[in-house]
N, C-alpha and C. Protein backbone atom coordinates (compact mmCIF):
# COMPACT_ATOMS: atom_id res chain seq x y z
N UNK A 1 0.80 -1.20 0.00
CA UNK A 1 0.00 0.00 0.00
C UNK A 1 0.85 1.27 0.00
N UNK A 2 2.11 1.16 -0.32
CA UNK A 2 2.95 2.34 -0.35
C UNK A 2 2.55 3.28 -1.48
N UNK A 3 1.92 2.78 -2.51
CA UNK A 3 1.51 3.61 -3.63
C UNK A 3 0.42 4.60 -3.25
N UNK A 4 -0.34 4.32 -2.19
CA UNK A 4 -1.41 5.21 -1.77
C UNK A 4 -0.92 6.37 -0.90
N UNK A 5 0.32 6.30 -0.43
CA UNK A 5 0.86 7.34 0.43
C UNK A 5 1.14 8.60 -0.38
N UNK A 6 0.62 9.71 0.05
CA UNK A 6 0.80 10.97 -0.69
C UNK A 6 1.98 11.78 -0.16
N UNK A 7 2.45 11.51 1.03
CA UNK A 7 3.57 12.25 1.61
C UNK A 7 4.83 11.40 1.46
N UNK A 8 5.84 11.90 0.76
CA UNK A 8 7.05 11.10 0.59
C UNK A 8 7.77 10.93 1.92
N UNK A 9 8.49 9.80 2.04
CA UNK A 9 9.19 9.47 3.27
C UNK A 9 10.29 10.49 3.55
N UNK A 10 10.84 11.10 2.50
CA UNK A 10 11.93 12.07 2.69
C UNK A 10 11.47 13.30 3.47
N UNK A 11 10.17 13.55 3.51
CA UNK A 11 9.66 14.70 4.26
C UNK A 11 9.78 14.52 5.77
N UNK A 12 9.96 13.28 6.23
CA UNK A 12 10.02 13.02 7.66
C UNK A 12 11.45 12.97 8.19
N UNK A 13 12.40 13.27 7.37
CA UNK A 13 13.79 13.31 7.83
C UNK A 13 13.96 14.51 8.75
N UNK A 14 14.81 14.38 9.79
CA UNK A 14 14.97 15.48 10.76
C UNK A 14 15.42 16.79 10.14
N UNK A 15 16.32 16.72 9.17
CA UNK A 15 16.82 17.95 8.54
C UNK A 15 15.69 18.69 7.83
N UNK A 16 14.83 17.96 7.12
CA UNK A 16 13.71 18.58 6.42
C UNK A 16 12.71 19.16 7.41
N UNK A 17 12.45 18.45 8.49
CA UNK A 17 11.52 18.95 9.50
C UNK A 17 12.04 20.23 10.15
N UNK A 18 13.33 20.28 10.43
CA UNK A 18 13.93 21.48 11.03
C UNK A 18 13.84 22.65 10.04
N UNK A 19 14.12 22.40 8.77
CA UNK A 19 14.03 23.46 7.76
C UNK A 19 12.61 23.98 7.63
N UNK A 20 11.62 23.09 7.66
CA UNK A 20 10.22 23.52 7.60
C UNK A 20 9.86 24.36 8.82
N UNK A 21 10.28 23.91 9.99
CA UNK A 21 9.98 24.66 11.22
C UNK A 21 10.64 26.03 11.17
N UNK A 22 11.89 26.09 10.69
CA UNK A 22 12.58 27.37 10.59
C UNK A 22 11.89 28.30 9.60
N UNK A 23 11.49 27.75 8.45
CA UNK A 23 10.81 28.55 7.43
C UNK A 23 9.51 29.12 7.97
N UNK A 24 8.66 28.27 8.55
CA UNK A 24 7.36 28.75 9.04
C UNK A 24 7.53 29.66 10.24
N UNK A 25 8.58 29.45 11.03
CA UNK A 25 8.86 30.36 12.14
C UNK A 25 9.21 31.75 11.64
N UNK A 26 10.04 31.83 10.59
CA UNK A 26 10.40 33.12 10.01
C UNK A 26 9.19 33.81 9.38
N UNK A 27 8.36 33.02 8.71
CA UNK A 27 7.16 33.60 8.09
C UNK A 27 6.23 34.17 9.15
N UNK A 28 6.00 33.42 10.22
CA UNK A 28 5.10 33.92 11.27
C UNK A 28 5.71 35.13 11.99
N UNK A 29 7.04 35.13 12.17
CA UNK A 29 7.70 36.28 12.77
C UNK A 29 7.52 37.52 11.92
N UNK A 30 7.63 37.36 10.61
CA UNK A 30 7.46 38.49 9.68
C UNK A 30 6.02 39.02 9.74
N UNK A 31 5.06 38.11 9.76
CA UNK A 31 3.65 38.51 9.79
C UNK A 31 3.32 39.24 11.10
N UNK A 32 3.74 38.67 12.23
CA UNK A 32 3.43 39.32 13.51
C UNK A 32 4.19 40.63 13.66
N UNK A 33 5.42 40.69 13.15
CA UNK A 33 6.18 41.94 13.19
C UNK A 33 5.50 43.03 12.38
N UNK A 34 4.99 42.68 11.19
CA UNK A 34 4.29 43.66 10.37
C UNK A 34 3.02 44.14 11.06
N UNK A 35 2.32 43.23 11.75
CA UNK A 35 1.10 43.62 12.46
C UNK A 35 1.43 44.59 13.60
N UNK A 36 2.49 44.33 14.32
CA UNK A 36 2.88 45.23 15.41
C UNK A 36 3.29 46.59 14.89
N UNK A 37 4.04 46.62 13.77
CA UNK A 37 4.44 47.90 13.20
C UNK A 37 3.25 48.71 12.72
N UNK A 38 2.26 48.04 12.12
CA UNK A 38 1.09 48.78 11.64
C UNK A 38 0.29 49.34 12.81
N UNK A 39 0.24 48.64 13.94
CA UNK A 39 -0.44 49.17 15.12
C UNK A 39 0.26 50.41 15.65
N UNK A 40 1.61 50.39 15.66
CA UNK A 40 2.35 51.55 16.13
C UNK A 40 2.15 52.74 15.20
N UNK A 41 2.13 52.48 13.90
CA UNK A 41 1.93 53.57 12.93
C UNK A 41 0.54 54.16 13.04
N UNK A 42 -0.46 53.29 13.22
CA UNK A 42 -1.83 53.82 13.32
C UNK A 42 -2.01 54.64 14.59
N UNK A 43 -1.33 54.25 15.67
CA UNK A 43 -1.41 55.04 16.90
C UNK A 43 -0.74 56.39 16.71
N UNK A 44 0.36 56.42 15.96
CA UNK A 44 1.06 57.69 15.71
C UNK A 44 0.24 58.60 14.80
N UNK A 45 -0.45 58.04 13.82
CA UNK A 45 -1.24 58.87 12.92
C UNK A 45 -2.52 59.36 13.57
N UNK A 46 -3.03 58.64 14.56
CA UNK A 46 -4.23 59.10 15.25
C UNK A 46 -3.99 60.43 15.95
N UNK A 47 -2.80 60.61 16.49
CA UNK A 47 -2.54 61.85 17.22
C UNK A 47 -2.41 63.04 16.28
N UNK A 48 -1.96 62.81 15.03
CA UNK A 48 -1.80 63.90 14.08
C UNK A 48 -2.94 63.96 13.06
N UNK A 49 -3.98 63.17 13.26
CA UNK A 49 -5.09 63.13 12.32
C UNK A 49 -5.92 64.40 12.43
N UNK A 50 -6.56 64.80 11.34
CA UNK A 50 -7.43 65.98 11.40
C UNK A 50 -8.61 65.74 12.34
N UNK A 51 -9.15 66.82 12.86
CA UNK A 51 -10.22 66.69 13.86
C UNK A 51 -11.49 66.07 13.28
N UNK A 52 -11.75 66.27 11.98
CA UNK A 52 -12.99 65.73 11.42
C UNK A 52 -12.96 64.21 11.31
N UNK A 53 -11.79 63.60 11.47
CA UNK A 53 -11.72 62.13 11.48
C UNK A 53 -12.03 61.57 12.87
N UNK A 54 -11.84 62.39 13.90
CA UNK A 54 -11.99 61.91 15.27
C UNK A 54 -13.31 62.31 15.92
N UNK A 55 -13.93 63.38 15.43
CA UNK A 55 -15.13 63.87 16.10
C UNK A 55 -16.15 64.34 15.07
N UNK A 56 -17.31 64.68 15.56
CA UNK A 56 -18.37 65.17 14.68
C UNK A 56 -18.01 66.56 14.17
N UNK A 57 -18.53 66.87 12.99
CA UNK A 57 -18.24 68.18 12.41
C UNK A 57 -19.46 68.70 11.66
N UNK A 58 -19.43 70.03 11.42
CA UNK A 58 -20.48 70.70 10.67
C UNK A 58 -19.82 71.36 9.47
N UNK A 59 -20.43 71.20 8.31
CA UNK A 59 -19.89 71.82 7.10
C UNK A 59 -20.27 73.30 7.11
N UNK A 60 -19.26 74.18 7.10
CA UNK A 60 -19.53 75.61 7.11
C UNK A 60 -19.48 76.22 5.72
N UNK A 61 -18.72 75.63 4.82
CA UNK A 61 -18.71 76.08 3.43
C UNK A 61 -18.79 74.85 2.54
N UNK A 62 -19.73 74.88 1.59
CA UNK A 62 -19.97 73.73 0.73
C UNK A 62 -18.77 73.41 -0.14
N UNK A 63 -18.81 72.28 -0.79
CA UNK A 63 -17.74 71.78 -1.63
C UNK A 63 -17.51 72.75 -2.81
N UNK A 64 -16.25 73.21 -2.95
CA UNK A 64 -15.92 74.12 -4.05
C UNK A 64 -14.55 73.74 -4.60
N UNK A 65 -14.33 74.15 -5.84
CA UNK A 65 -13.07 73.79 -6.50
C UNK A 65 -11.92 74.63 -5.94
N UNK A 66 -10.76 73.99 -5.79
CA UNK A 66 -9.57 74.68 -5.29
C UNK A 66 -8.98 75.54 -6.40
N UNK A 67 -8.46 76.71 -6.01
CA UNK A 67 -7.76 77.53 -7.00
C UNK A 67 -6.33 77.00 -7.15
N UNK A 68 -5.54 77.62 -8.01
CA UNK A 68 -4.19 77.11 -8.30
C UNK A 68 -3.30 77.13 -7.06
N UNK A 69 -3.40 78.18 -6.26
CA UNK A 69 -2.56 78.26 -5.06
C UNK A 69 -2.96 77.17 -4.06
N UNK A 70 -4.26 77.01 -3.83
CA UNK A 70 -4.74 76.01 -2.88
C UNK A 70 -4.35 74.60 -3.33
N UNK A 71 -4.45 74.34 -4.63
CA UNK A 71 -4.15 73.02 -5.15
C UNK A 71 -2.69 72.63 -4.88
N UNK A 72 -1.81 73.61 -4.89
CA UNK A 72 -0.39 73.32 -4.67
C UNK A 72 -0.01 73.32 -3.19
N UNK A 73 -0.68 74.12 -2.38
CA UNK A 73 -0.24 74.28 -1.00
C UNK A 73 -1.05 73.47 0.01
N UNK A 74 -2.29 73.17 -0.24
CA UNK A 74 -3.12 72.44 0.71
C UNK A 74 -3.11 70.96 0.37
N UNK A 75 -2.88 70.14 1.36
CA UNK A 75 -2.88 68.69 1.12
C UNK A 75 -4.31 68.17 0.88
N UNK A 76 -5.31 68.86 1.41
CA UNK A 76 -6.69 68.40 1.21
C UNK A 76 -7.17 68.61 -0.23
N UNK A 77 -6.51 69.49 -0.98
CA UNK A 77 -6.90 69.72 -2.37
C UNK A 77 -6.28 68.71 -3.34
N UNK A 78 -5.28 67.98 -2.88
CA UNK A 78 -4.56 67.08 -3.78
C UNK A 78 -5.41 65.91 -4.26
N UNK A 79 -6.29 65.40 -3.43
CA UNK A 79 -7.01 64.17 -3.77
C UNK A 79 -8.03 64.36 -4.88
N UNK A 80 -8.92 65.32 -4.71
CA UNK A 80 -10.01 65.49 -5.68
C UNK A 80 -9.99 66.83 -6.39
N UNK A 81 -9.27 67.80 -5.85
CA UNK A 81 -9.29 69.14 -6.43
C UNK A 81 -10.44 69.98 -5.90
N UNK A 82 -11.21 69.42 -4.99
CA UNK A 82 -12.33 70.12 -4.37
C UNK A 82 -12.16 70.05 -2.86
N UNK A 83 -12.64 71.09 -2.16
CA UNK A 83 -12.47 71.16 -0.73
C UNK A 83 -13.70 71.80 -0.10
N UNK A 84 -14.00 71.40 1.17
CA UNK A 84 -15.08 72.03 1.91
C UNK A 84 -14.55 72.39 3.29
N UNK A 85 -15.06 73.48 3.85
CA UNK A 85 -14.62 73.94 5.16
C UNK A 85 -15.55 73.33 6.20
N UNK A 86 -14.95 72.71 7.22
CA UNK A 86 -15.73 72.07 8.28
C UNK A 86 -15.32 72.64 9.63
N UNK A 87 -16.26 72.62 10.56
CA UNK A 87 -16.00 73.07 11.93
C UNK A 87 -16.24 71.88 12.83
N UNK A 88 -15.18 71.45 13.54
CA UNK A 88 -15.29 70.33 14.46
C UNK A 88 -16.03 70.78 15.71
N UNK A 89 -16.99 69.97 16.18
CA UNK A 89 -17.87 70.40 17.26
C UNK A 89 -17.18 70.42 18.62
N UNK A 90 -16.38 69.41 18.94
CA UNK A 90 -15.75 69.35 20.27
C UNK A 90 -14.61 70.35 20.41
N UNK A 91 -13.70 70.36 19.45
CA UNK A 91 -12.53 71.23 19.56
C UNK A 91 -12.79 72.62 19.00
N UNK A 92 -13.88 72.82 18.30
CA UNK A 92 -14.26 74.10 17.71
C UNK A 92 -13.16 74.65 16.78
N UNK A 93 -12.57 73.74 16.00
CA UNK A 93 -11.53 74.13 15.05
C UNK A 93 -12.10 74.10 13.64
N UNK A 94 -11.65 75.05 12.81
CA UNK A 94 -12.00 75.07 11.40
C UNK A 94 -10.90 74.37 10.62
N UNK A 95 -11.29 73.41 9.79
CA UNK A 95 -10.33 72.70 8.94
C UNK A 95 -10.94 72.51 7.57
N UNK A 96 -10.10 72.16 6.62
CA UNK A 96 -10.55 71.90 5.27
C UNK A 96 -10.48 70.41 5.00
N UNK A 97 -11.51 69.92 4.33
CA UNK A 97 -11.65 68.49 4.07
C UNK A 97 -11.88 68.28 2.57
N UNK A 98 -11.20 67.31 2.02
CA UNK A 98 -11.39 66.99 0.61
C UNK A 98 -12.80 66.45 0.39
N UNK A 99 -13.41 66.79 -0.73
CA UNK A 99 -14.77 66.34 -1.01
C UNK A 99 -14.93 66.03 -2.50
N UNK A 100 -16.04 65.43 -2.84
CA UNK A 100 -16.33 65.10 -4.24
C UNK A 100 -17.49 65.97 -4.70
N UNK A 101 -17.26 66.69 -5.77
CA UNK A 101 -18.25 67.64 -6.27
C UNK A 101 -19.24 66.92 -7.19
N UNK A 102 -20.48 67.39 -7.18
CA UNK A 102 -21.50 66.85 -8.07
C UNK A 102 -21.13 67.13 -9.52
N UNK A 103 -20.58 68.31 -9.78
CA UNK A 103 -20.17 68.67 -11.14
C UNK A 103 -19.05 67.74 -11.61
N UNK A 104 -18.08 67.49 -10.73
CA UNK A 104 -16.97 66.61 -11.07
C UNK A 104 -17.48 65.19 -11.32
N UNK A 105 -18.36 64.70 -10.46
CA UNK A 105 -18.92 63.36 -10.64
C UNK A 105 -19.68 63.26 -11.95
N UNK A 106 -20.46 64.29 -12.27
CA UNK A 106 -21.21 64.31 -13.52
C UNK A 106 -20.27 64.29 -14.71
N UNK A 107 -19.20 65.07 -14.65
CA UNK A 107 -18.22 65.12 -15.73
C UNK A 107 -17.54 63.75 -15.91
N UNK A 108 -17.16 63.12 -14.78
CA UNK A 108 -16.53 61.80 -14.86
C UNK A 108 -17.48 60.75 -15.40
N UNK A 109 -18.77 60.85 -15.04
CA UNK A 109 -19.75 59.89 -15.55
C UNK A 109 -19.87 59.99 -17.06
N UNK A 110 -19.98 61.21 -17.59
CA UNK A 110 -20.14 61.36 -19.04
C UNK A 110 -18.86 61.00 -19.78
N UNK A 111 -17.72 61.22 -19.15
CA UNK A 111 -16.46 60.78 -19.74
C UNK A 111 -16.43 59.25 -19.86
N UNK A 112 -16.86 58.59 -18.80
CA UNK A 112 -16.93 57.14 -18.80
C UNK A 112 -17.91 56.64 -19.86
N UNK A 113 -19.07 57.28 -19.96
CA UNK A 113 -20.05 56.89 -20.96
C UNK A 113 -19.50 57.04 -22.38
N UNK A 114 -18.78 58.13 -22.64
CA UNK A 114 -18.19 58.35 -23.97
C UNK A 114 -17.14 57.29 -24.27
N UNK A 115 -16.34 56.93 -23.27
CA UNK A 115 -15.32 55.90 -23.48
C UNK A 115 -15.99 54.55 -23.78
N UNK A 116 -17.06 54.23 -23.08
CA UNK A 116 -17.75 52.97 -23.32
C UNK A 116 -18.41 52.95 -24.70
N UNK A 117 -18.97 54.08 -25.11
CA UNK A 117 -19.56 54.16 -26.45
C UNK A 117 -18.49 53.99 -27.52
N UNK A 118 -17.34 54.62 -27.34
CA UNK A 118 -16.25 54.50 -28.31
C UNK A 118 -15.76 53.05 -28.38
N UNK A 119 -15.62 52.40 -27.24
CA UNK A 119 -15.20 51.00 -27.25
C UNK A 119 -16.23 50.09 -27.90
N UNK A 120 -17.52 50.40 -27.68
CA UNK A 120 -18.58 49.61 -28.31
C UNK A 120 -18.49 49.71 -29.83
N UNK A 121 -18.32 50.92 -30.34
CA UNK A 121 -18.21 51.11 -31.78
C UNK A 121 -16.96 50.42 -32.32
N UNK A 122 -15.84 50.55 -31.63
CA UNK A 122 -14.60 49.93 -32.07
C UNK A 122 -14.74 48.41 -32.15
N UNK A 123 -15.27 47.79 -31.11
CA UNK A 123 -15.40 46.34 -31.12
C UNK A 123 -16.47 45.87 -32.09
N UNK A 124 -17.51 46.66 -32.32
CA UNK A 124 -18.50 46.30 -33.34
C UNK A 124 -17.86 46.30 -34.72
N UNK A 125 -17.02 47.29 -34.99
CA UNK A 125 -16.32 47.33 -36.28
C UNK A 125 -15.36 46.15 -36.41
N UNK A 126 -14.70 45.79 -35.34
CA UNK A 126 -13.80 44.63 -35.37
C UNK A 126 -14.57 43.33 -35.64
N UNK A 127 -15.74 43.19 -35.06
CA UNK A 127 -16.55 41.99 -35.28
C UNK A 127 -17.00 41.92 -36.73
N UNK A 128 -17.44 43.05 -37.28
CA UNK A 128 -17.88 43.07 -38.68
C UNK A 128 -16.71 42.74 -39.60
N UNK A 129 -15.54 43.31 -39.36
CA UNK A 129 -14.37 43.03 -40.20
C UNK A 129 -13.98 41.56 -40.12
N UNK A 130 -13.98 41.00 -38.92
CA UNK A 130 -13.63 39.58 -38.77
C UNK A 130 -14.66 38.69 -39.44
N UNK A 131 -15.92 39.03 -39.32
CA UNK A 131 -16.96 38.21 -39.95
C UNK A 131 -16.81 38.24 -41.46
N UNK A 132 -16.50 39.40 -42.02
CA UNK A 132 -16.30 39.51 -43.47
C UNK A 132 -15.11 38.68 -43.92
N UNK A 133 -14.02 38.72 -43.16
CA UNK A 133 -12.85 37.94 -43.56
C UNK A 133 -13.13 36.45 -43.45
N UNK A 134 -13.88 36.02 -42.43
CA UNK A 134 -14.24 34.60 -42.32
C UNK A 134 -15.18 34.18 -43.45
N UNK A 135 -16.13 35.06 -43.81
CA UNK A 135 -17.01 34.76 -44.94
C UNK A 135 -16.22 34.63 -46.22
N UNK A 136 -15.23 35.51 -46.42
CA UNK A 136 -14.39 35.47 -47.61
C UNK A 136 -13.61 34.15 -47.67
N UNK A 137 -13.05 33.74 -46.53
CA UNK A 137 -12.31 32.47 -46.48
C UNK A 137 -13.22 31.28 -46.76
N UNK A 138 -14.44 31.31 -46.23
CA UNK A 138 -15.38 30.21 -46.47
C UNK A 138 -15.78 30.15 -47.93
N UNK A 139 -16.04 31.29 -48.57
CA UNK A 139 -16.42 31.27 -49.98
C UNK A 139 -15.25 30.83 -50.86
N UNK A 140 -14.02 31.19 -50.49
CA UNK A 140 -12.83 30.71 -51.23
C UNK A 140 -12.71 29.20 -51.12
N UNK A 141 -12.95 28.67 -49.94
CA UNK A 141 -12.87 27.22 -49.74
C UNK A 141 -13.93 26.50 -50.57
N UNK A 142 -15.14 27.02 -50.59
CA UNK A 142 -16.22 26.42 -51.39
C UNK A 142 -15.87 26.51 -52.87
N UNK A 143 -15.34 27.67 -53.31
CA UNK A 143 -14.96 27.84 -54.72
C UNK A 143 -13.89 26.81 -55.11
N UNK A 144 -12.88 26.61 -54.26
CA UNK A 144 -11.81 25.64 -54.55
C UNK A 144 -12.36 24.23 -54.61
N UNK A 145 -13.32 23.91 -53.72
CA UNK A 145 -13.91 22.56 -53.73
C UNK A 145 -14.70 22.33 -55.01
N UNK A 146 -15.40 23.39 -55.46
CA UNK A 146 -16.18 23.26 -56.69
C UNK A 146 -15.25 23.11 -57.90
N UNK A 147 -14.16 23.85 -57.93
CA UNK A 147 -13.20 23.76 -59.03
C UNK A 147 -12.50 22.43 -59.09
N UNK A 148 -12.31 21.78 -57.97
CA UNK A 148 -11.63 20.50 -57.97
C UNK A 148 -12.51 19.36 -58.47
N UNK A 149 -13.79 19.58 -58.59
CA UNK A 149 -14.70 18.52 -59.07
C UNK A 149 -14.64 18.38 -60.56
């Protein structure tokens, strides 16, 4: 019944077992080390996080597009190009928060629709061209078969 054994006998040698234990020990050490580092980083970022991430806030100025100066100097303008002014309720601080504009979303939607329409037309033309070439090959094959008779 040795043919039914799926684990080779060489896997049970002490040297192989030690190597497996060492490998999996290093892997688990790496995983747990990464988890501990991410916990330390998240604790450090919590202290420097903006107030609107930690507490409730009220929007004091609606979402508006950043001007050229704001886009270069404010980190909140980098993500979307739009920003809104918020007032944190507990600390009573005014801060700027990145936001998504309805106009921007509408523009992105129509851009996506145009891209999908262009791809539809392109692939429809490719299908028609391929079908014509296959039809041409089939008619050539039929013509050759008829000529050989």
